[in-house]
Each structure stands twice: as structure tokens, then as C-alpha cells.
C-alpha atoms as a PDB file:
ATOM      1  CA  MET A   1     -24.028 -12.183   9.502  1.00  0.00           C
ATOM      2  CA  GLU A   2     -26.018 -10.791   6.622  1.00  0.00           C
ATOM      3  CA  LYS A   3     -25.004  -9.249   3.318  1.00  0.00           C
ATOM      4  CA  GLU A   4     -26.241  -5.830   4.447  1.00  0.00           C
ATOM      5  CA  ASP A   5     -23.960  -5.956   7.512  1.00  0.00           C
ATOM      6  CA  ILE A   6     -20.973  -6.451   5.231  1.00  0.00           C
ATOM      7  CA  ILE A   7     -22.047  -3.635   2.901  1.00  0.00           C
ATOM      8  CA  LYS A   8     -22.437  -1.253   5.839  1.00  0.00           C
ATOM      9  CA  ALA A   9     -18.959  -2.224   7.041  1.00  0.00           C
ATOM     10  CA  VAL A  10     -17.535  -1.554   3.565  1.00  0.00           C
ATOM     11  CA  ILE A  11     -19.096   1.919   3.587  1.00  0.00           C
ATOM     12  CA  LYS A  12     -17.737   2.649   7.072  1.00  0.00           C
ATOM     13  CA  ILE A  13     -14.216   1.498   6.251  1.00  0.00           C
ATOM     14  CA  PHE A  14     -14.256   3.222   2.852  1.00  0.00           C
ATOM     15  CA  GLU A  15     -14.956   6.513   4.658  1.00  0.00           C
ATOM     16  CA  SER A  16     -11.679   6.210   6.542  1.00  0.00           C
ATOM     17  CA  LYS A  17      -9.398   4.278   4.165  1.00  0.00           C
ATOM     18  CA  GLY A  18     -10.776   5.040   0.720  1.00  0.00           C
ATOM     19  CA  LEU A  19     -10.046   2.413  -1.916  1.00  0.00           C
ATOM     20  CA  LYS A  20      -7.036   1.166   0.038  1.00  0.00           C
ATOM     21  CA  PHE A  21      -9.152  -1.091   2.236  1.00  0.00           C
ATOM     22  CA  SER A  22      -8.834  -4.862   2.019  1.00  0.00           C
ATOM     23  CA  VAL A  23     -11.239  -7.710   2.553  1.00  0.00           C
ATOM     24  CA  LEU A  24      -9.210  -8.468   5.681  1.00  0.00           C
ATOM     25  CA  ASP A  25     -10.038  -4.957   6.948  1.00  0.00           C
ATOM     26  CA  ILE A  26     -13.739  -5.732   6.516  1.00  0.00           C
ATOM     27  CA  ALA A  27     -13.418  -9.120   8.197  1.00  0.00           C
ATOM     28  CA  THR A  28     -11.491  -7.635  11.114  1.00  0.00           C
ATOM     29  CA  TYR A  29     -14.045  -4.842  11.539  1.00  0.00           C
ATOM     30  CA  LEU A  30     -16.867  -7.392  11.590  1.00  0.00           C
ATOM     31  CA  LYS A  31     -14.898  -9.836  13.762  1.00  0.00           C
ATOM     32  CA  THR A  32     -15.333 -12.606  11.219  1.00  0.00           C
ATOM     33  CA  SER A  33     -13.222 -14.397   8.635  1.00  0.00           C
ATOM     34  CA  LYS A  34     -12.468 -13.411   5.058  1.00  0.00           C
ATOM     35  CA  ARG A  35     -14.095 -16.691   4.063  1.00  0.00           C
ATOM     36  CA  THR A  36     -17.402 -15.445   5.471  1.00  0.00           C
ATOM     37  CA  ILE A  37     -17.125 -12.286   3.355  1.00  0.00           C
ATOM     38  CA  TYR A  38     -16.370 -14.357   0.259  1.00  0.00           C
ATOM     39  CA  LYS A  39     -19.529 -16.417   0.838  1.00  0.00           C
ATOM     40  CA  PHE A  40     -21.488 -13.278  -0.052  1.00  0.00           C
ATOM     41  CA  PHE A  41     -19.126 -11.469  -2.430  1.00  0.00           C
ATOM     42  CA  GLU A  42     -16.866 -12.756  -5.174  1.00  0.00           C
ATOM     43  CA  ASN A  43     -14.154 -10.114  -4.725  1.00  0.00           C
ATOM     44  CA  LYS A  44     -13.381  -6.556  -3.590  1.00  0.00           C
ATOM     45  CA  GLU A  45     -14.880  -5.115  -6.771  1.00  0.00           C
ATOM     46  CA  SER A  46     -18.234  -6.773  -6.119  1.00  0.00           C
ATOM     47  CA  LEU A  47     -18.099  -5.413  -2.557  1.00  0.00           C
ATOM     48  CA  LEU A  48     -17.629  -1.880  -3.892  1.00  0.00           C
ATOM     49  CA  ILE A  49     -20.363  -2.221  -6.507  1.00  0.00           C
ATOM     50  CA  SER A  50     -22.798  -3.492  -3.889  1.00  0.00           C
ATOM     51  CA  ALA A  51     -21.865  -0.641  -1.528  1.00  0.00           C
ATOM     52  CA  VAL A  52     -22.408   1.973  -4.252  1.00  0.00           C
ATOM     53  CA  ASP A  53     -25.761   0.392  -5.170  1.00  0.00           C
ATOM     54  CA  TYR A  54     -26.752   0.374  -1.488  1.00  0.00           C
ATOM     55  CA  VAL A  55     -25.924   4.069  -1.093  1.00  0.00           C
ATOM     56  CA  PHE A  56     -27.811   5.054  -4.246  1.00  0.00           C
ATOM     57  CA  ASP A  57     -30.811   2.948  -3.222  1.00  0.00           C
ATOM     58  CA  ASP A  58     -30.816   4.714   0.149  1.00  0.00           C
ATOM     59  CA  ILE A  59     -30.687   8.116  -1.559  1.00  0.00           C
ATOM     60  CA  GLU A  60     -33.596   7.098  -3.778  1.00  0.00           C
ATOM     61  CA  LYS A  61     -35.631   5.995  -0.728  1.00  0.00           C
ATOM     62  CA  GLN A  62     -34.947   9.295   1.020  1.00  0.00           C
ATOM     63  CA  HIS A  63     -35.908  11.173  -2.138  1.00  0.00           C
ATOM     64  CA  TYR A  64     -39.195   9.287  -2.363  1.00  0.00           C
ATOM     65  CA  GLU A  65     -39.977   9.898   1.312  1.00  0.00           C
ATOM     66  CA  ILE A  66     -39.402  13.634   0.883  1.00  0.00           C
ATOM     67  CA  LEU A  67     -41.564  13.781  -2.238  1.00  0.00           C
ATOM     68  CA  LYS A  68     -44.523  12.055  -0.622  1.00  0.00           C
ATOM     69  CA  THR A  69     -44.676  14.499   2.288  1.00  0.00           C
ATOM     70  CA  ASP A  70     -47.126  17.373   2.129  1.00  0.00           C
ATOM     71  CA  ARG A  71     -44.465  20.009   2.767  1.00  0.00           C
ATOM     72  CA  ASP A  72     -44.168  22.911   0.380  1.00  0.00           C
ATOM     73  CA  ILE A  73     -41.732  22.636  -2.518  1.00  0.00           C
ATOM     74  CA  LEU A  74     -39.152  24.944  -0.936  1.00  0.00           C
ATOM     75  CA  SER A  75     -38.846  22.850   2.218  1.00  0.00           C
ATOM     76  CA  LYS A  76     -38.632  19.685   0.112  1.00  0.00           C
ATOM     77  CA  LEU A  77     -35.615  21.118  -1.646  1.00  0.00           C
END
């Protein structure tokens, strides 16, 4: 289990439950224990912050990939 796996699970569960998810929800989804989640993250807040950072980093990567293509400006938009 890696930190990224947990973050992806948080994003997936957040899509269906919103902020009402629990660390137990994440652990159940990943078929692991809450203790494993807490090895990587201090609390639910740190899980959410990491998930938001992950999403924004992904958006930034996609943005960069689009900009470096040789497509015209209209298709880049």
C-alpha cells in the first residue's frame, strides 16, 4: 500500500459521500486497517489536504502537457 493509493481512494469516496466519509470508509474500500491509513496520514484533515494537492498537481500536469503540444491556441483551450 502506498500513499498515492490512499489518496486515490479518498478522492473516489469523496465523490460519493462528500465530507461525510470516515477513515474507516477509506480502510474498508482499500481492504486494509485504519492503522495502515494512519501510518501515512495524521488525521482526516491531512487526508483531505493531500487529496486536494494531488488533484491540483494533476491539473497542473495536464495543463503543462497541453501547453507543450504544437496544436493551435484554439484547440489548446
